Full PDB file with SEQRES, HELIX, SHEET, SSBOND, CRYST1, ORIGX, SCALE, CONECT and MASTER records, all heavy atoms in Angstrom:
SEQRES   1 A   47  GLY ASP PHE SER GLU LEU PRO GLU LEU HIS ALA LEU SER          
SEQRES   2 A   47  ALA GLY LEU LYS ALA PHE THR THR TRP ALA ALA SER THR          
SEQRES   3 A   47  GLY ILE GLU VAL CYS ARG MET SER CYS GLY GLY HIS GLY          
SEQRES   4 A   47  TYR SER CYS SER SER ALA LEU PRO                              
HELIX    1 AA1 LEU A    6  SER A   34  1                                  29    
HELIX    2 AA2 GLY A   36  TYR A   40  5                                   5    
HELIX    3 AA3 CYS A   42  SER A   44  5                                   3    
CRYST1    1.000    1.000    1.000  90.00  90.00  90.00 P 1           1          
ORIGX1      1.000000  0.000000  0.000000        0.00000                         
ORIGX2      0.000000  1.000000  0.000000        0.00000                         
ORIGX3      0.000000  0.000000  1.000000        0.00000                         
SCALE1      1.000000  0.000000  0.000000        0.00000                         
SCALE2      0.000000  1.000000  0.000000        0.00000                         
SCALE3      0.000000  0.000000  1.000000        0.00000                         
ATOM      1  N   GLY A   1    -102.688  -9.630 -38.520  1.00  0.00           N  
ATOM      2  CA  GLY A   1    -102.725  -8.982 -39.830  1.00  0.00           C  
ATOM      3  C   GLY A   1    -102.298  -9.861 -40.989  1.00  0.00           C  
ATOM      4  O   GLY A   1    -102.182  -9.388 -42.123  1.00  0.00           O  
ATOM      5  N   ASP A   2    -102.071 -11.154 -40.733  1.00  0.00           N  
ATOM      6  CA  ASP A   2    -101.669 -12.083 -41.792  1.00  0.00           C  
ATOM      7  C   ASP A   2    -102.889 -12.873 -42.255  1.00  0.00           C  
ATOM      8  O   ASP A   2    -103.388 -13.728 -41.527  1.00  0.00           O  
ATOM      9  CB  ASP A   2    -100.590 -13.035 -41.259  1.00  0.00           C  
ATOM     10  CG  ASP A   2    -100.114 -14.042 -42.304  1.00  0.00           C  
ATOM     11  OD1 ASP A   2    -100.591 -13.977 -43.458  1.00  0.00           O  
ATOM     12  OD2 ASP A   2     -99.278 -14.894 -41.961  1.00  0.00           O  
ATOM     13  N   PHE A   3    -103.362 -12.580 -43.472  1.00  0.00           N  
ATOM     14  CA  PHE A   3    -104.559 -13.228 -44.002  1.00  0.00           C  
ATOM     15  C   PHE A   3    -104.232 -14.265 -45.080  1.00  0.00           C  
ATOM     16  O   PHE A   3    -105.117 -14.739 -45.782  1.00  0.00           O  
ATOM     17  CB  PHE A   3    -105.506 -12.177 -44.594  1.00  0.00           C  
ATOM     18  CG  PHE A   3    -105.868 -11.087 -43.619  1.00  0.00           C  
ATOM     19  CD1 PHE A   3    -105.214  -9.858 -43.642  1.00  0.00           C  
ATOM     20  CD2 PHE A   3    -106.842 -11.300 -42.658  1.00  0.00           C  
ATOM     21  CE1 PHE A   3    -105.532  -8.859 -42.736  1.00  0.00           C  
ATOM     22  CE2 PHE A   3    -107.170 -10.307 -41.743  1.00  0.00           C  
ATOM     23  CZ  PHE A   3    -106.516  -9.087 -41.785  1.00  0.00           C  
ATOM     24  N   SER A   4    -102.953 -14.616 -45.211  1.00  0.00           N  
ATOM     25  CA  SER A   4    -102.512 -15.445 -46.338  1.00  0.00           C  
ATOM     26  C   SER A   4    -103.120 -16.841 -46.336  1.00  0.00           C  
ATOM     27  O   SER A   4    -103.357 -17.414 -47.409  1.00  0.00           O  
ATOM     28  CB  SER A   4    -100.983 -15.546 -46.342  1.00  0.00           C  
ATOM     29  OG  SER A   4    -100.507 -16.120 -45.125  1.00  0.00           O  
ATOM     30  N   GLU A   5    -103.370 -17.406 -45.151  1.00  0.00           N  
ATOM     31  CA  GLU A   5    -103.878 -18.777 -45.090  1.00  0.00           C  
ATOM     32  C   GLU A   5    -105.391 -18.853 -44.983  1.00  0.00           C  
ATOM     33  O   GLU A   5    -105.950 -19.949 -44.899  1.00  0.00           O  
ATOM     34  CB  GLU A   5    -103.239 -19.520 -43.908  1.00  0.00           C  
ATOM     35  CG  GLU A   5    -101.760 -19.798 -44.074  1.00  0.00           C  
ATOM     36  CD  GLU A   5    -101.232 -20.749 -43.023  1.00  0.00           C  
ATOM     37  OE1 GLU A   5    -101.472 -21.968 -43.161  1.00  0.00           O  
ATOM     38  OE2 GLU A   5    -100.608 -20.282 -42.060  1.00  0.00           O  
ATOM     39  N   LEU A   6    -106.063 -17.703 -44.989  1.00  0.00           N  
ATOM     40  CA  LEU A   6    -107.520 -17.705 -44.856  1.00  0.00           C  
ATOM     41  C   LEU A   6    -108.216 -18.447 -45.995  1.00  0.00           C  
ATOM     42  O   LEU A   6    -109.143 -19.234 -45.742  1.00  0.00           O  
ATOM     43  CB  LEU A   6    -108.038 -16.278 -44.744  1.00  0.00           C  
ATOM     44  CG  LEU A   6    -109.548 -16.113 -44.483  1.00  0.00           C  
ATOM     45  CD1 LEU A   6    -109.963 -16.851 -43.213  1.00  0.00           C  
ATOM     46  CD2 LEU A   6    -109.914 -14.635 -44.363  1.00  0.00           C  
ATOM     47  N   PRO A   7    -107.815 -18.258 -47.260  1.00  0.00           N  
ATOM     48  CA  PRO A   7    -108.474 -19.015 -48.339  1.00  0.00           C  
ATOM     49  C   PRO A   7    -108.345 -20.528 -48.182  1.00  0.00           C  
ATOM     50  O   PRO A   7    -109.301 -21.272 -48.411  1.00  0.00           O  
ATOM     51  CB  PRO A   7    -107.751 -18.529 -49.603  1.00  0.00           C  
ATOM     52  CG  PRO A   7    -107.239 -17.174 -49.245  1.00  0.00           C  
ATOM     53  CD  PRO A   7    -106.854 -17.273 -47.799  1.00  0.00           C  
ATOM     54  N   GLU A   8    -107.158 -20.986 -47.740  1.00  0.00           N  
ATOM     55  CA  GLU A   8    -106.975 -22.428 -47.549  1.00  0.00           C  
ATOM     56  C   GLU A   8    -107.829 -22.940 -46.402  1.00  0.00           C  
ATOM     57  O   GLU A   8    -108.432 -24.011 -46.492  1.00  0.00           O  
ATOM     58  CB  GLU A   8    -105.503 -22.742 -47.280  1.00  0.00           C  
ATOM     59  CG  GLU A   8    -105.229 -24.236 -47.113  1.00  0.00           C  
ATOM     60  CD  GLU A   8    -103.767 -24.569 -46.908  1.00  0.00           C  
ATOM     61  OE1 GLU A   8    -102.937 -23.645 -46.919  1.00  0.00           O  
ATOM     62  OE2 GLU A   8    -103.455 -25.771 -46.736  1.00  0.00           O  
ATOM     63  N   LEU A   9    -107.897 -22.171 -45.300  1.00  0.00           N  
ATOM     64  CA  LEU A   9    -108.747 -22.573 -44.173  1.00  0.00           C  
ATOM     65  C   LEU A   9    -110.202 -22.627 -44.596  1.00  0.00           C  
ATOM     66  O   LEU A   9    -110.935 -23.567 -44.228  1.00  0.00           O  
ATOM     67  CB  LEU A   9    -108.582 -21.590 -43.011  1.00  0.00           C  
ATOM     68  CG  LEU A   9    -109.492 -21.816 -41.797  1.00  0.00           C  
ATOM     69  CD1 LEU A   9    -109.219 -23.177 -41.160  1.00  0.00           C  
ATOM     70  CD2 LEU A   9    -109.320 -20.693 -40.777  1.00  0.00           C  
ATOM     71  N   HIS A  10    -110.634 -21.656 -45.365  1.00  0.00           N  
ATOM     72  CA  HIS A  10    -112.023 -21.629 -45.837  1.00  0.00           C  
ATOM     73  C   HIS A  10    -112.316 -22.868 -46.683  1.00  0.00           C  
ATOM     74  O   HIS A  10    -113.337 -23.537 -46.504  1.00  0.00           O  
ATOM     75  CB  HIS A  10    -112.255 -20.353 -46.649  1.00  0.00           C  
ATOM     76  CG  HIS A  10    -113.660 -20.194 -47.135  1.00  0.00           C  
ATOM     77  ND1 HIS A  10    -114.079 -20.667 -48.366  1.00  0.00           N  
ATOM     78  CD2 HIS A  10    -114.763 -19.645 -46.567  1.00  0.00           C  
ATOM     79  CE1 HIS A  10    -115.371 -20.405 -48.519  1.00  0.00           C  
ATOM     80  NE2 HIS A  10    -115.805 -19.787 -47.454  1.00  0.00           N  
ATOM     81  N   ALA A  11    -111.400 -23.191 -47.610  1.00  0.00           N  
ATOM     82  CA  ALA A  11    -111.601 -24.339 -48.501  1.00  0.00           C  
ATOM     83  C   ALA A  11    -111.549 -25.654 -47.733  1.00  0.00           C  
ATOM     84  O   ALA A  11    -112.366 -26.558 -47.964  1.00  0.00           O  
ATOM     85  CB  ALA A  11    -110.541 -24.341 -49.599  1.00  0.00           C  
ATOM     86  N   LEU A  12    -110.597 -25.770 -46.808  1.00  0.00           N  
ATOM     87  CA  LEU A  12    -110.442 -27.018 -46.051  1.00  0.00           C  
ATOM     88  C   LEU A  12    -111.627 -27.238 -45.120  1.00  0.00           C  
ATOM     89  O   LEU A  12    -112.161 -28.352 -45.030  1.00  0.00           O  
ATOM     90  CB  LEU A  12    -109.138 -26.971 -45.247  1.00  0.00           C  
ATOM     91  CG  LEU A  12    -108.745 -28.257 -44.511  1.00  0.00           C  
ATOM     92  CD1 LEU A  12    -108.489 -29.391 -45.496  1.00  0.00           C  
ATOM     93  CD2 LEU A  12    -107.508 -28.014 -43.643  1.00  0.00           C  
ATOM     94  N   SER A  13    -112.061 -26.192 -44.418  1.00  0.00           N  
ATOM     95  CA  SER A  13    -113.183 -26.341 -43.496  1.00  0.00           C  
ATOM     96  C   SER A  13    -114.468 -26.655 -44.243  1.00  0.00           C  
ATOM     97  O   SER A  13    -115.291 -27.449 -43.773  1.00  0.00           O  
ATOM     98  CB  SER A  13    -113.358 -25.076 -42.650  1.00  0.00           C  
ATOM     99  OG  SER A  13    -113.708 -23.966 -43.449  1.00  0.00           O  
ATOM    100  N   ALA A  14    -114.647 -26.050 -45.424  1.00  0.00           N  
ATOM    101  CA  ALA A  14    -115.847 -26.331 -46.220  1.00  0.00           C  
ATOM    102  C   ALA A  14    -115.859 -27.781 -46.683  1.00  0.00           C  
ATOM    103  O   ALA A  14    -116.858 -28.494 -46.546  1.00  0.00           O  
ATOM    104  CB  ALA A  14    -115.908 -25.383 -47.420  1.00  0.00           C  
ATOM    105  N   GLY A  15    -114.750 -28.237 -47.246  1.00  0.00           N  
ATOM    106  CA  GLY A  15    -114.692 -29.596 -47.782  1.00  0.00           C  
ATOM    107  C   GLY A  15    -114.798 -30.655 -46.709  1.00  0.00           C  
ATOM    108  O   GLY A  15    -115.552 -31.624 -46.842  1.00  0.00           O  
ATOM    109  N   LEU A  16    -114.046 -30.495 -45.626  1.00  0.00           N  
ATOM    110  CA  LEU A  16    -114.074 -31.500 -44.561  1.00  0.00           C  
ATOM    111  C   LEU A  16    -115.404 -31.502 -43.822  1.00  0.00           C  
ATOM    112  O   LEU A  16    -115.855 -32.551 -43.359  1.00  0.00           O  
ATOM    113  CB  LEU A  16    -112.923 -31.269 -43.584  1.00  0.00           C  
ATOM    114  CG  LEU A  16    -111.534 -31.650 -44.105  1.00  0.00           C  
ATOM    115  CD1 LEU A  16    -110.461 -31.302 -43.087  1.00  0.00           C  
ATOM    116  CD2 LEU A  16    -111.454 -33.136 -44.456  1.00  0.00           C  
ATOM    117  N   LYS A  17    -116.037 -30.326 -43.705  1.00  0.00           N  
ATOM    118  CA  LYS A  17    -117.373 -30.288 -43.117  1.00  0.00           C  
ATOM    119  C   LYS A  17    -118.314 -31.159 -43.928  1.00  0.00           C  
ATOM    120  O   LYS A  17    -119.079 -31.969 -43.391  1.00  0.00           O  
ATOM    121  CB  LYS A  17    -117.861 -28.837 -43.049  1.00  0.00           C  
ATOM    122  CG  LYS A  17    -119.262 -28.679 -42.473  1.00  0.00           C  
ATOM    123  CD  LYS A  17    -120.344 -28.662 -43.541  1.00  0.00           C  
ATOM    124  CE  LYS A  17    -121.728 -28.474 -42.952  1.00  0.00           C  
ATOM    125  NZ  LYS A  17    -122.820 -28.584 -43.931  1.00  0.00           N  
ATOM    126  N   ALA A  18    -118.292 -30.997 -45.253  1.00  0.00           N  
ATOM    127  CA  ALA A  18    -119.167 -31.783 -46.123  1.00  0.00           C  
ATOM    128  C   ALA A  18    -118.802 -33.260 -46.091  1.00  0.00           C  
ATOM    129  O   ALA A  18    -119.659 -34.138 -45.941  1.00  0.00           O  
ATOM    130  CB  ALA A  18    -119.104 -31.239 -47.552  1.00  0.00           C  
ATOM    131  N   PHE A  19    -117.527 -33.541 -46.224  1.00  0.00           N  
ATOM    132  CA  PHE A  19    -117.057 -34.927 -46.296  1.00  0.00           C  
ATOM    133  C   PHE A  19    -117.396 -35.708 -45.032  1.00  0.00           C  
ATOM    134  O   PHE A  19    -117.922 -36.826 -45.093  1.00  0.00           O  
ATOM    135  CB  PHE A  19    -115.542 -34.932 -46.530  1.00  0.00           C  
ATOM    136  CG  PHE A  19    -114.941 -36.302 -46.659  1.00  0.00           C  
ATOM    137  CD1 PHE A  19    -115.024 -37.004 -47.850  1.00  0.00           C  
ATOM    138  CD2 PHE A  19    -114.277 -36.890 -45.591  1.00  0.00           C  
ATOM    139  CE1 PHE A  19    -114.464 -38.274 -47.970  1.00  0.00           C  
ATOM    140  CE2 PHE A  19    -113.715 -38.146 -45.697  1.00  0.00           C  
ATOM    141  CZ  PHE A  19    -113.814 -38.847 -46.894  1.00  0.00           C  
ATOM    142  N   THR A  20    -117.117 -35.121 -43.872  1.00  0.00           N  
ATOM    143  CA  THR A  20    -117.326 -35.855 -42.626  1.00  0.00           C  
ATOM    144  C   THR A  20    -118.802 -35.979 -42.279  1.00  0.00           C  
ATOM    145  O   THR A  20    -119.228 -37.016 -41.751  1.00  0.00           O  
ATOM    146  CB  THR A  20    -116.576 -35.185 -41.455  1.00  0.00           C  
ATOM    147  OG1 THR A  20    -117.019 -33.830 -41.300  1.00  0.00           O  
ATOM    148  CG2 THR A  20    -115.075 -35.206 -41.700  1.00  0.00           C  
ATOM    149  N   THR A  21    -119.594 -34.943 -42.565  1.00  0.00           N  
ATOM    150  CA  THR A  21    -121.022 -35.033 -42.200  1.00  0.00           C  
ATOM    151  C   THR A  21    -121.773 -35.987 -43.104  1.00  0.00           C  
ATOM    152  O   THR A  21    -122.651 -36.713 -42.641  1.00  0.00           O  
ATOM    153  CB  THR A  21    -121.689 -33.649 -42.222  1.00  0.00           C  
ATOM    154  OG1 THR A  21    -121.520 -33.033 -43.504  1.00  0.00           O  
ATOM    155  CG2 THR A  21    -121.096 -32.750 -41.155  1.00  0.00           C  
ATOM    156  N   TRP A  22    -121.444 -35.998 -44.389  1.00  0.00           N  
ATOM    157  CA  TRP A  22    -122.066 -36.987 -45.282  1.00  0.00           C  
ATOM    158  C   TRP A  22    -121.762 -38.406 -44.795  1.00  0.00           C  
ATOM    159  O   TRP A  22    -122.647 -39.251 -44.680  1.00  0.00           O  
ATOM    160  CB  TRP A  22    -121.550 -36.807 -46.701  1.00  0.00           C  
ATOM    161  CG  TRP A  22    -122.439 -36.003 -47.596  1.00  0.00           C  
ATOM    162  CD1 TRP A  22    -123.789 -35.807 -47.465  1.00  0.00           C  
ATOM    163  CD2 TRP A  22    -122.033 -35.270 -48.760  1.00  0.00           C  
ATOM    164  NE1 TRP A  22    -124.242 -35.008 -48.487  1.00  0.00           N  
ATOM    165  CE2 TRP A  22    -123.206 -34.670 -49.293  1.00  0.00           C  
ATOM    166  CE3 TRP A  22    -120.824 -35.083 -49.417  1.00  0.00           C  
ATOM    167  CZ2 TRP A  22    -123.180 -33.887 -50.448  1.00  0.00           C  
ATOM    168  CZ3 TRP A  22    -120.796 -34.296 -50.564  1.00  0.00           C  
ATOM    169  CH2 TRP A  22    -121.963 -33.705 -51.068  1.00  0.00           C  
ATOM    170  N   ALA A  23    -120.476 -38.654 -44.525  1.00  0.00           N  
ATOM    171  CA  ALA A  23    -120.056 -40.001 -44.138  1.00  0.00           C  
ATOM    172  C   ALA A  23    -120.630 -40.390 -42.781  1.00  0.00           C  
ATOM    173  O   ALA A  23    -121.109 -41.518 -42.595  1.00  0.00           O  
ATOM    174  CB  ALA A  23    -118.528 -40.077 -44.112  1.00  0.00           C  
ATOM    175  N   ALA A  24    -120.597 -39.473 -41.823  1.00  0.00           N  
ATOM    176  CA  ALA A  24    -121.095 -39.794 -40.482  1.00  0.00           C  
ATOM    177  C   ALA A  24    -122.602 -39.989 -40.487  1.00  0.00           C  
ATOM    178  O   ALA A  24    -123.123 -40.896 -39.818  1.00  0.00           O  
ATOM    179  CB  ALA A  24    -120.708 -38.690 -39.496  1.00  0.00           C  
ATOM    180  N   SER A  25    -123.330 -39.158 -41.231  1.00  0.00           N  
ATOM    181  CA  SER A  25    -124.789 -39.300 -41.295  1.00  0.00           C  
ATOM    182  C   SER A  25    -125.178 -40.665 -41.845  1.00  0.00           C  
ATOM    183  O   SER A  25    -126.048 -41.354 -41.294  1.00  0.00           O  
ATOM    184  CB  SER A  25    -125.381 -38.181 -42.158  1.00  0.00           C  
ATOM    185  OG  SER A  25    -126.780 -38.282 -42.217  1.00  0.00           O  
ATOM    186  N   THR A  26    -124.503 -41.071 -42.906  1.00  0.00           N  
ATOM    187  CA  THR A  26    -124.750 -42.400 -43.465  1.00  0.00           C  
ATOM    188  C   THR A  26    -124.366 -43.485 -42.472  1.00  0.00           C  
ATOM    189  O   THR A  26    -125.084 -44.478 -42.291  1.00  0.00           O  
ATOM    190  CB  THR A  26    -123.956 -42.576 -44.771  1.00  0.00           C  
ATOM    191  OG1 THR A  26    -124.359 -41.575 -45.715  1.00  0.00           O  
ATOM    192  CG2 THR A  26    -124.181 -43.953 -45.373  1.00  0.00           C  
ATOM    193  N   GLY A  27    -123.243 -43.282 -41.792  1.00  0.00           N  
ATOM    194  CA  GLY A  27    -122.754 -44.279 -40.850  1.00  0.00           C  
ATOM    195  C   GLY A  27    -123.659 -44.468 -39.653  1.00  0.00           C  
ATOM    196  O   GLY A  27    -123.851 -45.590 -39.171  1.00  0.00           O  
ATOM    197  N   ILE A  28    -124.231 -43.374 -39.135  1.00  0.00           N  
ATOM    198  CA  ILE A  28    -125.158 -43.476 -38.001  1.00  0.00           C  
ATOM    199  C   ILE A  28    -126.351 -44.345 -38.372  1.00  0.00           C  
ATOM    200  O   ILE A  28    -126.792 -45.190 -37.586  1.00  0.00           O  
ATOM    201  CB  ILE A  28    -125.626 -42.071 -37.562  1.00  0.00           C  
ATOM    202  CG1 ILE A  28    -124.454 -41.277 -36.993  1.00  0.00           C  
ATOM    203  CG2 ILE A  28    -126.746 -42.176 -36.526  1.00  0.00           C  
ATOM    204  CD1 ILE A  28    -124.725 -39.795 -36.865  1.00  0.00           C  
ATOM    205  N   GLU A  29    -126.865 -44.147 -39.571  1.00  0.00           N  
ATOM    206  CA  GLU A  29    -128.019 -44.939 -40.011  1.00  0.00           C  
ATOM    207  C   GLU A  29    -127.642 -46.412 -40.190  1.00  0.00           C  
ATOM    208  O   GLU A  29    -128.430 -47.299 -39.886  1.00  0.00           O  
ATOM    209  CB  GLU A  29    -128.584 -44.354 -41.305  1.00  0.00           C  
ATOM    210  CG  GLU A  29    -129.750 -45.120 -41.907  1.00  0.00           C  
ATOM    211  CD  GLU A  29    -130.999 -45.126 -41.046  1.00  0.00           C  
ATOM    212  OE1 GLU A  29    -130.969 -44.591 -39.913  1.00  0.00           O  
ATOM    213  OE2 GLU A  29    -132.019 -45.684 -41.488  1.00  0.00           O  
ATOM    214  N   VAL A  30    -126.421 -46.672 -40.662  1.00  0.00           N  
ATOM    215  CA  VAL A  30    -125.956 -48.060 -40.772  1.00  0.00           C  
ATOM    216  C   VAL A  30    -125.888 -48.693 -39.382  1.00  0.00           C  
ATOM    217  O   VAL A  30    -126.286 -49.847 -39.187  1.00  0.00           O  
ATOM    218  CB  VAL A  30    -124.584 -48.123 -41.479  1.00  0.00           C  
ATOM    219  CG1 VAL A  30    -123.991 -49.533 -41.385  1.00  0.00           C  
ATOM    220  CG2 VAL A  30    -124.715 -47.713 -42.944  1.00  0.00           C  
ATOM    221  N   CYS A  31    -125.390 -47.941 -38.413  1.00  0.00           N  
ATOM    222  CA  CYS A  31    -125.347 -48.444 -37.032  1.00  0.00           C  
ATOM    223  C   CYS A  31    -126.745 -48.767 -36.521  1.00  0.00           C  
ATOM    224  O   CYS A  31    -126.962 -49.797 -35.873  1.00  0.00           O  
ATOM    225  CB  CYS A  31    -124.679 -47.424 -36.120  1.00  0.00           C  
ATOM    226  SG  CYS A  31    -122.886 -47.270 -36.334  1.00  0.00           S  
ATOM    227  N   ARG A  32    -127.689 -47.880 -36.813  1.00  0.00           N  
ATOM    228  CA  ARG A  32    -129.064 -48.119 -36.364  1.00  0.00           C  
ATOM    229  C   ARG A  32    -129.618 -49.398 -36.984  1.00  0.00           C  
ATOM    230  O   ARG A  32    -130.181 -50.248 -36.286  1.00  0.00           O  
ATOM    231  CB  ARG A  32    -129.969 -46.935 -36.726  1.00  0.00           C  
ATOM    232  CG  ARG A  32    -131.384 -47.075 -36.168  1.00  0.00           C  
ATOM    233  CD  ARG A  32    -132.335 -46.065 -36.763  1.00  0.00           C  
ATOM    234  NE  ARG A  32    -132.576 -46.310 -38.179  1.00  0.00           N  
ATOM    235  CZ  ARG A  32    -133.391 -47.252 -38.663  1.00  0.00           C  
ATOM    236  NH1 ARG A  32    -134.019 -48.064 -37.840  1.00  0.00           N  
ATOM    237  NH2 ARG A  32    -133.559 -47.397 -39.955  1.00  0.00           N  
ATOM    238  N   MET A  33    -129.452 -49.549 -38.290  1.00  0.00           N  
ATOM    239  CA  MET A  33    -129.988 -50.737 -38.961  1.00  0.00           C  
ATOM    240  C   MET A  33    -129.255 -52.001 -38.527  1.00  0.00           C  
ATOM    241  O   MET A  33    -129.847 -53.087 -38.525  1.00  0.00           O  
ATOM    242  CB  MET A  33    -129.907 -50.550 -40.474  1.00  0.00           C  
ATOM    243  CG  MET A  33    -130.873 -49.502 -41.004  1.00  0.00           C  
ATOM    244  SD  MET A  33    -131.011 -49.480 -42.809  1.00  0.00           S  
ATOM    245  CE  MET A  33    -129.394 -48.850 -43.256  1.00  0.00           C  
ATOM    246  N   SER A  34    -127.996 -51.886 -38.139  1.00  0.00           N  
ATOM    247  CA  SER A  34    -127.246 -53.065 -37.703  1.00  0.00           C  
ATOM    248  C   SER A  34    -127.748 -53.582 -36.358  1.00  0.00           C  
ATOM    249  O   SER A  34    -127.401 -54.691 -35.948  1.00  0.00           O  
ATOM    250  CB  SER A  34    -125.754 -52.750 -37.610  1.00  0.00           C  
ATOM    251  OG  SER A  34    -125.474 -51.944 -36.489  1.00  0.00           O  
ATOM    252  N   CYS A  35    -128.560 -52.770 -35.667  1.00  0.00           N  
ATOM    253  CA  CYS A  35    -129.154 -53.193 -34.392  1.00  0.00           C  
ATOM    254  C   CYS A  35    -130.528 -53.820 -34.588  1.00  0.00           C  
ATOM    255  O   CYS A  35    -131.235 -54.089 -33.603  1.00  0.00           O  
ATOM    256  CB  CYS A  35    -129.253 -52.009 -33.438  1.00  0.00           C  
ATOM    257  SG  CYS A  35    -127.658 -51.392 -32.883  1.00  0.00           S  
ATOM    258  N   GLY A  36    -130.930 -54.043 -35.829  1.00  0.00           N  
ATOM    259  CA  GLY A  36    -132.202 -54.685 -36.099  1.00  0.00           C  
ATOM    260  C   GLY A  36    -133.379 -53.858 -35.616  1.00  0.00           C  
ATOM    261  O   GLY A  36    -133.330 -52.630 -35.583  1.00  0.00           O  
ATOM    262  N   GLY A  37    -134.442 -54.535 -35.209  1.00  0.00           N  
ATOM    263  CA  GLY A  37    -135.659 -53.849 -34.806  1.00  0.00           C  
ATOM    264  C   GLY A  37    -135.467 -52.946 -33.608  1.00  0.00           C  
ATOM    265  O   GLY A  37    -136.039 -51.855 -33.547  1.00  0.00           O  
ATOM    266  N   HIS A  38    -134.641 -53.355 -32.647  1.00  0.00           N  
ATOM    267  CA  HIS A  38    -134.451 -52.541 -31.445  1.00  0.00           C  
ATOM    268  C   HIS A  38    -133.765 -51.211 -31.756  1.00  0.00           C  
ATOM    269  O   HIS A  38    -133.904 -50.244 -30.999  1.00  0.00           O  
ATOM    270  CB  HIS A  38    -133.653 -53.306 -30.394  1.00  0.00           C  
ATOM    271  CG  HIS A  38    -134.387 -54.471 -29.813  1.00  0.00           C  
ATOM    272  ND1 HIS A  38    -135.739 -54.442 -29.565  1.00  0.00           N  
ATOM    273  CD2 HIS A  38    -133.958 -55.710 -29.430  1.00  0.00           C  
ATOM    274  CE1 HIS A  38    -136.118 -55.617 -29.055  1.00  0.00           C  
ATOM    275  NE2 HIS A  38    -135.052 -56.399 -28.966  1.00  0.00           N  
ATOM    276  N   GLY A  39    -133.043 -51.146 -32.855  1.00  0.00           N  
ATOM    277  CA  GLY A  39    -132.419 -49.888 -33.247  1.00  0.00           C  
ATOM    278  C   GLY A  39    -133.424 -48.831 -33.636  1.00  0.00           C  
ATOM    279  O   GLY A  39    -133.130 -47.631 -33.602  1.00  0.00           O  
ATOM    280  N   TYR A  40    -134.626 -49.270 -33.996  1.00  0.00           N  
ATOM    281  CA  TYR A  40    -135.699 -48.348 -34.386  1.00  0.00           C  
ATOM    282  C   TYR A  40    -136.322 -47.681 -33.169  1.00  0.00           C  
ATOM    283  O   TYR A  40    -136.919 -46.607 -33.262  1.00  0.00           O  
ATOM    284  CB  TYR A  40    -136.761 -49.114 -35.174  1.00  0.00           C  
ATOM    285  CG  TYR A  40    -137.827 -48.263 -35.804  1.00  0.00           C  
ATOM    286  CD1 TYR A  40    -137.527 -47.394 -36.839  1.00  0.00           C  
ATOM    287  CD2 TYR A  40    -139.146 -48.331 -35.362  1.00  0.00           C  
ATOM    288  CE1 TYR A  40    -138.516 -46.617 -37.437  1.00  0.00           C  
ATOM    289  CE2 TYR A  40    -140.145 -47.568 -35.939  1.00  0.00           C  
ATOM    290  CZ  TYR A  40    -139.819 -46.711 -36.980  1.00  0.00           C  
ATOM    291  OH  TYR A  40    -140.802 -45.940 -37.553  1.00  0.00           O  
ATOM    292  N   SER A  41    -136.174 -48.301 -32.000  1.00  0.00           N  
ATOM    293  CA  SER A  41    -136.737 -47.760 -30.760  1.00  0.00           C  
ATOM    294  C   SER A  41    -135.912 -46.573 -30.281  1.00  0.00           C  
ATOM    295  O   SER A  41    -134.678 -46.582 -30.356  1.00  0.00           O  
ATOM    296  CB  SER A  41    -136.765 -48.831 -29.672  1.00  0.00           C  
ATOM    297  OG  SER A  41    -137.059 -48.270 -28.412  1.00  0.00           O  
ATOM    298  N   CYS A  42    -136.585 -45.562 -29.747  1.00  0.00           N  
ATOM    299  CA  CYS A  42    -135.876 -44.420 -29.170  1.00  0.00           C  
ATOM    300  C   CYS A  42    -135.019 -44.845 -27.984  1.00  0.00           C  
ATOM    301  O   CYS A  42    -134.092 -44.125 -27.593  1.00  0.00           O  
ATOM    302  CB  CYS A  42    -136.857 -43.338 -28.746  1.00  0.00           C  
ATOM    303  SG  CYS A  42    -137.602 -42.450 -30.135  1.00  0.00           S  
ATOM    304  N   SER A  43    -135.306 -46.009 -27.408  1.00  0.00           N  
ATOM    305  CA  SER A  43    -134.495 -46.486 -26.291  1.00  0.00           C  
ATOM    306  C   SER A  43    -133.048 -46.737 -26.712  1.00  0.00           C  
ATOM    307  O   SER A  43    -132.148 -46.712 -25.870  1.00  0.00           O  
ATOM    308  CB  SER A  43    -135.082 -47.787 -25.732  1.00  0.00           C  
ATOM    309  OG  SER A  43    -134.996 -48.832 -26.694  1.00  0.00           O  
ATOM    310  N   SER A  44    -132.818 -46.957 -27.996  1.00  0.00           N  
ATOM    311  CA  SER A  44    -131.462 -47.202 -28.475  1.00  0.00           C  
ATOM    312  C   SER A  44    -130.628 -45.933 -28.524  1.00  0.00           C  
ATOM    313  O   SER A  44    -129.404 -45.992 -28.583  1.00  0.00           O  
ATOM    314  CB  SER A  44    -131.505 -47.837 -29.868  1.00  0.00           C  
ATOM    315  OG  SER A  44    -131.887 -46.879 -30.846  1.00  0.00           O  
ATOM    316  N   ALA A  45    -131.293 -44.776 -28.563  1.00  0.00           N  
ATOM    317  CA  ALA A  45    -130.679 -43.444 -28.718  1.00  0.00           C  
ATOM    318  C   ALA A  45    -130.229 -43.170 -30.143  1.00  0.00           C  
ATOM    319  O   ALA A  45    -129.921 -42.028 -30.482  1.00  0.00           O  
ATOM    320  CB  ALA A  45    -129.504 -43.233 -27.758  1.00  0.00           C  
ATOM    321  N   LEU A  46    -130.217 -44.183 -30.991  1.00  0.00           N  
ATOM    322  CA  LEU A  46    -129.744 -43.988 -32.366  1.00  0.00           C  
ATOM    323  C   LEU A  46    -130.667 -43.100 -33.193  1.00  0.00           C  
ATOM    324  O   LEU A  46    -130.168 -42.265 -33.967  1.00  0.00           O  
ATOM    325  CB  LEU A  46    -129.520 -45.344 -33.040  1.00  0.00           C  
ATOM    326  CG  LEU A  46    -128.318 -46.115 -32.487  1.00  0.00           C  
ATOM    327  CD1 LEU A  46    -128.358 -47.570 -32.934  1.00  0.00           C  
ATOM    328  CD2 LEU A  46    -127.005 -45.466 -32.905  1.00  0.00           C  
ATOM    329  N   PRO A  47    -131.998 -43.216 -33.066  1.00  0.00           N  
ATOM    330  CA  PRO A  47    -132.842 -42.266 -33.808  1.00  0.00           C  
ATOM    331  C   PRO A  47    -132.570 -40.819 -33.424  1.00  0.00           C  
ATOM    332  O   PRO A  47    -132.520 -39.938 -34.281  1.00  0.00           O  
ATOM    333  CB  PRO A  47    -134.264 -42.701 -33.423  1.00  0.00           C  
ATOM    334  CG  PRO A  47    -134.152 -44.149 -33.108  1.00  0.00           C  
ATOM    335  CD  PRO A  47    -132.818 -44.273 -32.431  1.00  0.00           C  
TER     336      PRO A  47                                                      
MASTER        0    0    0    3    0    0    0    6  335    1    0    4          
END                                                                             
């Protein structure tokens, strides 16, 4: 019955969801490009 921290959880989960997914999505692509041409192949698993 204690809802006092719900607004903070909502704000923190929203912000960190955005922050981490933006950064990770960009980072995955950097990893792929750092593998050169072979990173473009599905064999790399990076795509």
